[in-house]
Amino acid sequence: MEAVIRDGGHQYRVSEGMTLDVEYREAEAGSTVEFGEVLYIGGEGAETRIGSPTVAGAKVQATVIGQVKGDKLLVVKFRRRQGSQTRTGHRQPYLRVQIDKIEG
């Protein structure tokens, strides 16, 4: 069974047992997180349900593995012919979760 969920302005295609990095929120490792905005539920041998915009009564439960950091992004600001340049870096925090159950 698979589903498409919406979280933090992003859409993710998930299935049971997969690991996913979502936008960071305060959560303890080992706790559960529930995603209520399910846009699609389906898969092999399952009834396909497409929401408008969401599937009523559907939810996806996940277990929090922990916090991770994304890849380092470098930001370079360069002003031509001025002898001026600035370089800064950034690493976005994410929350790593494992999908346990898809309920539809």
N, C-alpha and C. Protein backbone atom coordinates (compact mmCIF):
# COMPACT_ATOMS: atom_id res chain seq x y z
N MET A 1 0.84 -1.18 0.00
CA MET A 1 0.00 0.00 0.00
C MET A 1 0.89 1.24 0.00
N GLU A 2 0.48 2.24 -0.75
CA GLU A 2 1.24 3.47 -0.82
C GLU A 2 0.29 4.66 -0.70
N ALA A 3 0.88 5.81 -0.41
CA ALA A 3 0.09 7.03 -0.25
C ALA A 3 0.93 8.23 -0.65
N VAL A 4 0.26 9.33 -0.92
CA VAL A 4 0.92 10.61 -1.14
C VAL A 4 0.44 11.53 -0.02
N ILE A 5 1.41 12.06 0.76
CA ILE A 5 1.06 12.94 1.87
C ILE A 5 1.62 14.33 1.61
N ARG A 6 1.02 15.32 2.26
CA ARG A 6 1.50 16.69 2.16
C ARG A 6 1.94 17.12 3.56
N ASP A 7 3.17 17.64 3.64
CA ASP A 7 3.70 18.09 4.91
C ASP A 7 4.64 19.26 4.67
N GLY A 8 4.36 20.39 5.27
CA GLY A 8 5.25 21.55 5.18
C GLY A 8 5.42 22.09 3.78
N GLY A 9 4.38 22.03 2.96
CA GLY A 9 4.48 22.56 1.61
C GLY A 9 5.08 21.60 0.60
N HIS A 10 5.45 20.40 1.03
CA HIS A 10 6.02 19.39 0.13
C HIS A 10 5.08 18.19 0.07
N GLN A 11 5.13 17.47 -1.04
CA GLN A 11 4.37 16.23 -1.18
C GLN A 11 5.35 15.06 -1.26
N TYR A 12 5.04 13.99 -0.53
CA TYR A 12 5.91 12.83 -0.46
C TYR A 12 5.11 11.58 -0.83
N ARG A 13 5.70 10.72 -1.65
CA ARG A 13 5.11 9.43 -1.96
C ARG A 13 5.70 8.41 -0.99
N VAL A 14 4.87 7.79 -0.17
CA VAL A 14 5.36 6.92 0.89
C VAL A 14 4.71 5.54 0.78
N SER A 15 5.40 4.57 1.34
CA SER A 15 4.86 3.23 1.50
C SER A 15 5.29 2.72 2.87
N GLU A 16 4.64 1.69 3.34
CA GLU A 16 4.92 1.18 4.68
C GLU A 16 6.33 0.63 4.76
N GLY A 17 7.05 1.01 5.82
CA GLY A 17 8.40 0.53 6.04
C GLY A 17 9.49 1.44 5.51
N MET A 18 9.15 2.45 4.73
CA MET A 18 10.19 3.32 4.16
C MET A 18 10.60 4.41 5.14
N THR A 19 11.82 4.91 4.97
CA THR A 19 12.37 5.99 5.79
C THR A 19 12.32 7.29 4.99
N LEU A 20 11.96 8.38 5.67
CA LEU A 20 11.70 9.64 4.99
C LEU A 20 12.22 10.80 5.84
N ASP A 21 12.76 11.83 5.18
CA ASP A 21 13.18 13.05 5.86
C ASP A 21 12.15 14.14 5.58
N VAL A 22 11.49 14.62 6.64
CA VAL A 22 10.48 15.68 6.51
C VAL A 22 10.99 16.93 7.20
N GLU A 23 10.24 18.03 7.07
CA GLU A 23 10.65 19.27 7.71
C GLU A 23 10.71 19.08 9.22
N TYR A 24 11.67 19.78 9.83
CA TYR A 24 11.95 19.60 11.25
C TYR A 24 10.80 20.12 12.11
N ARG A 25 10.51 19.36 13.17
CA ARG A 25 9.58 19.78 14.22
C ARG A 25 10.06 19.15 15.51
N GLU A 26 9.65 19.70 16.62
CA GLU A 26 10.06 19.17 17.92
C GLU A 26 9.40 17.82 18.15
N ALA A 27 10.20 16.78 18.25
CA ALA A 27 9.69 15.43 18.52
C ALA A 27 10.83 14.59 19.09
N GLU A 28 10.50 13.76 20.06
CA GLU A 28 11.47 12.86 20.68
C GLU A 28 11.70 11.64 19.79
N ALA A 29 12.89 11.12 19.82
CA ALA A 29 13.18 9.88 19.08
C ALA A 29 12.37 8.75 19.71
N GLY A 30 11.71 7.97 18.88
CA GLY A 30 10.87 6.88 19.35
C GLY A 30 9.40 7.24 19.46
N SER A 31 9.07 8.52 19.42
CA SER A 31 7.66 8.92 19.48
C SER A 31 7.01 8.75 18.12
N THR A 32 5.70 8.90 18.07
CA THR A 32 4.98 8.74 16.81
C THR A 32 4.50 10.09 16.30
N VAL A 33 4.46 10.20 14.98
CA VAL A 33 3.98 11.39 14.29
C VAL A 33 2.88 10.95 13.34
N GLU A 34 1.82 11.75 13.25
CA GLU A 34 0.71 11.41 12.39
C GLU A 34 0.56 12.47 11.30
N PHE A 35 0.46 12.03 10.06
CA PHE A 35 0.25 12.92 8.93
C PHE A 35 -1.20 12.80 8.51
N GLY A 36 -1.95 13.89 8.62
CA GLY A 36 -3.38 13.85 8.34
C GLY A 36 -3.76 14.28 6.94
N GLU A 37 -2.87 14.98 6.24
CA GLU A 37 -3.18 15.45 4.90
C GLU A 37 -2.73 14.40 3.88
N VAL A 38 -3.61 13.46 3.60
CA VAL A 38 -3.33 12.38 2.65
C VAL A 38 -4.05 12.71 1.35
N LEU A 39 -3.30 12.81 0.26
CA LEU A 39 -3.86 13.19 -1.03
C LEU A 39 -4.27 12.00 -1.88
N TYR A 40 -3.65 10.84 -1.64
CA TYR A 40 -3.89 9.66 -2.47
C TYR A 40 -3.58 8.42 -1.65
N ILE A 41 -4.40 7.39 -1.81
CA ILE A 41 -4.12 6.07 -1.23
C ILE A 41 -4.38 5.04 -2.31
N GLY A 42 -3.47 4.08 -2.44
CA GLY A 42 -3.65 3.05 -3.44
C GLY A 42 -2.53 2.05 -3.37
N GLY A 43 -2.35 1.31 -4.43
CA GLY A 43 -1.30 0.31 -4.50
C GLY A 43 -1.84 -0.96 -5.12
N GLU A 44 -0.99 -1.98 -5.15
CA GLU A 44 -1.38 -3.25 -5.73
C GLU A 44 -2.41 -3.94 -4.85
N GLY A 45 -3.54 -4.30 -5.43
CA GLY A 45 -4.57 -5.02 -4.70
C GLY A 45 -5.38 -4.16 -3.76
N ALA A 46 -5.15 -2.87 -3.74
CA ALA A 46 -5.90 -1.97 -2.85
C ALA A 46 -6.75 -1.03 -3.70
N GLU A 47 -7.84 -0.58 -3.09
CA GLU A 47 -8.71 0.36 -3.77
C GLU A 47 -8.02 1.72 -3.87
N THR A 48 -8.03 2.31 -5.04
CA THR A 48 -7.41 3.62 -5.24
C THR A 48 -8.40 4.71 -4.86
N ARG A 49 -7.94 5.60 -3.97
CA ARG A 49 -8.76 6.73 -3.53
C ARG A 49 -7.96 8.00 -3.72
N ILE A 50 -8.54 8.93 -4.47
CA ILE A 50 -7.91 10.22 -4.71
C ILE A 50 -8.76 11.28 -4.04
N GLY A 51 -8.13 12.11 -3.23
CA GLY A 51 -8.85 13.13 -2.50
C GLY A 51 -9.05 14.39 -3.30
N SER A 52 -10.01 15.19 -2.83
CA SER A 52 -10.22 16.49 -3.47
C SER A 52 -10.46 17.54 -2.38
N PRO A 53 -9.47 18.10 -1.74
CA PRO A 53 -8.05 17.91 -1.95
C PRO A 53 -7.46 16.75 -1.14
N THR A 54 -8.11 16.33 -0.03
CA THR A 54 -7.56 15.24 0.77
C THR A 54 -8.56 14.10 0.87
N VAL A 55 -8.06 12.91 1.19
CA VAL A 55 -8.91 11.74 1.39
C VAL A 55 -9.48 11.81 2.80
N ALA A 56 -10.80 11.76 2.91
CA ALA A 56 -11.46 11.89 4.20
C ALA A 56 -11.17 10.68 5.08
N GLY A 57 -10.77 10.92 6.32
CA GLY A 57 -10.53 9.85 7.29
C GLY A 57 -9.23 9.10 7.13
N ALA A 58 -8.39 9.49 6.20
CA ALA A 58 -7.12 8.79 5.97
C ALA A 58 -6.02 9.45 6.78
N LYS A 59 -5.08 8.63 7.25
CA LYS A 59 -3.92 9.15 7.97
C LYS A 59 -2.75 8.19 7.83
N VAL A 60 -1.56 8.73 8.01
CA VAL A 60 -0.33 7.94 7.93
C VAL A 60 0.40 8.11 9.25
N GLN A 61 0.75 7.00 9.90
CA GLN A 61 1.47 7.04 11.17
C GLN A 61 2.92 6.67 10.94
N ALA A 62 3.81 7.40 11.64
CA ALA A 62 5.25 7.16 11.49
C ALA A 62 5.92 7.25 12.84
N THR A 63 7.07 6.58 12.97
CA THR A 63 7.88 6.62 14.17
C THR A 63 9.09 7.50 13.91
N VAL A 64 9.41 8.38 14.86
CA VAL A 64 10.52 9.30 14.72
C VAL A 64 11.82 8.55 15.00
N ILE A 65 12.77 8.63 14.06
CA ILE A 65 14.09 8.03 14.24
C ILE A 65 15.02 9.04 14.89
N GLY A 66 14.96 10.30 14.46
CA GLY A 66 15.79 11.34 15.06
C GLY A 66 15.96 12.52 14.12
N GLN A 67 16.76 13.48 14.58
CA GLN A 67 17.04 14.66 13.78
C GLN A 67 18.29 14.43 12.94
N VAL A 68 18.25 14.88 11.70
CA VAL A 68 19.41 14.82 10.81
C VAL A 68 19.59 16.19 10.16
N LYS A 69 20.78 16.43 9.63
CA LYS A 69 21.05 17.67 8.90
C LYS A 69 21.21 17.35 7.43
N GLY A 70 20.73 18.26 6.59
CA GLY A 70 20.85 18.09 5.15
C GLY A 70 22.25 18.42 4.68
N ASP A 71 22.44 18.39 3.37
CA ASP A 71 23.73 18.72 2.78
C ASP A 71 24.05 20.19 3.01
N LYS A 72 25.33 20.51 3.04
CA LYS A 72 25.77 21.89 3.21
C LYS A 72 25.52 22.67 1.93
N LEU A 73 24.87 23.81 2.08
CA LEU A 73 24.62 24.71 0.95
C LEU A 73 25.51 25.92 1.11
N LEU A 74 26.22 26.28 0.06
CA LEU A 74 27.08 27.46 0.09
C LEU A 74 26.40 28.60 -0.65
N VAL A 75 26.41 29.77 -0.02
CA VAL A 75 25.83 30.97 -0.60
C VAL A 75 26.98 31.94 -0.82
N VAL A 76 27.21 32.34 -2.08
CA VAL A 76 28.29 33.27 -2.41
C VAL A 76 27.66 34.52 -2.99
N LYS A 77 27.94 35.65 -2.36
CA LYS A 77 27.50 36.95 -2.88
C LYS A 77 28.73 37.65 -3.42
N PHE A 78 28.67 38.03 -4.67
CA PHE A 78 29.83 38.59 -5.35
C PHE A 78 29.42 39.88 -6.04
N ARG A 79 30.15 40.94 -5.77
CA ARG A 79 29.90 42.22 -6.41
C ARG A 79 31.04 42.50 -7.38
N ARG A 80 30.75 42.53 -8.64
CA ARG A 80 31.81 42.65 -9.64
C ARG A 80 32.51 44.01 -9.56
N ARG A 81 33.79 43.96 -9.79
CA ARG A 81 34.66 45.15 -9.83
C ARG A 81 34.68 45.93 -8.52
N GLN A 82 34.27 45.35 -7.42
CA GLN A 82 34.26 46.05 -6.14
C GLN A 82 35.25 45.44 -5.15
N GLY A 83 35.78 44.27 -5.49
CA GLY A 83 36.68 43.59 -4.56
C GLY A 83 35.96 43.08 -3.33
N SER A 84 34.68 42.81 -3.46
CA SER A 84 33.87 42.41 -2.32
C SER A 84 33.18 41.09 -2.63
N GLN A 85 33.32 40.14 -1.74
CA GLN A 85 32.55 38.91 -1.85
C GLN A 85 32.34 38.33 -0.46
N THR A 86 31.20 37.65 -0.30
CA THR A 86 30.83 37.06 0.97
C THR A 86 30.45 35.60 0.73
N ARG A 87 30.91 34.73 1.59
CA ARG A 87 30.58 33.32 1.46
C ARG A 87 30.05 32.82 2.80
N THR A 88 28.86 32.28 2.80
CA THR A 88 28.26 31.71 4.00
C THR A 88 27.73 30.32 3.68
N GLY A 89 27.52 29.53 4.70
CA GLY A 89 27.01 28.18 4.53
C GLY A 89 25.77 27.96 5.37
N HIS A 90 25.05 26.90 5.03
CA HIS A 90 23.80 26.60 5.73
C HIS A 90 23.54 25.10 5.64
N ARG A 91 23.08 24.51 6.75
CA ARG A 91 22.64 23.11 6.76
C ARG A 91 21.25 23.05 7.36
N GLN A 92 20.29 22.62 6.58
CA GLN A 92 18.89 22.58 7.01
C GLN A 92 18.65 21.36 7.90
N PRO A 93 18.00 21.55 9.06
CA PRO A 93 17.66 20.39 9.90
C PRO A 93 16.40 19.69 9.37
N TYR A 94 16.39 18.38 9.43
CA TYR A 94 15.25 17.56 9.03
C TYR A 94 14.92 16.58 10.14
N LEU A 95 13.72 16.03 10.07
CA LEU A 95 13.29 15.00 11.00
C LEU A 95 13.16 13.70 10.22
N ARG A 96 13.91 12.68 10.60
CA ARG A 96 13.86 11.39 9.90
C ARG A 96 12.81 10.50 10.57
N VAL A 97 11.87 10.03 9.77
CA VAL A 97 10.79 9.18 10.28
C VAL A 97 10.72 7.90 9.45
N GLN A 98 10.14 6.88 10.08
CA GLN A 98 9.90 5.61 9.39
C GLN A 98 8.40 5.39 9.36
N ILE A 99 7.85 5.15 8.16
CA ILE A 99 6.42 4.99 7.97
C ILE A 99 6.01 3.62 8.51
N ASP A 100 5.05 3.62 9.46
CA ASP A 100 4.59 2.37 10.07
C ASP A 100 3.28 1.89 9.47
N LYS A 101 2.32 2.78 9.34
CA LYS A 101 0.97 2.33 9.02
C LYS A 101 0.28 3.37 8.15
N ILE A 102 -0.41 2.89 7.12
CA ILE A 102 -1.23 3.75 6.26
C ILE A 102 -2.68 3.31 6.45
N GLU A 103 -3.49 4.22 6.99
CA GLU A 103 -4.89 3.91 7.25
C GLU A 103 -5.77 4.70 6.29
N GLY A 104 -6.70 4.01 5.69
CA GLY A 104 -7.56 4.69 4.74
C GLY A 104 -8.98 4.35 4.98
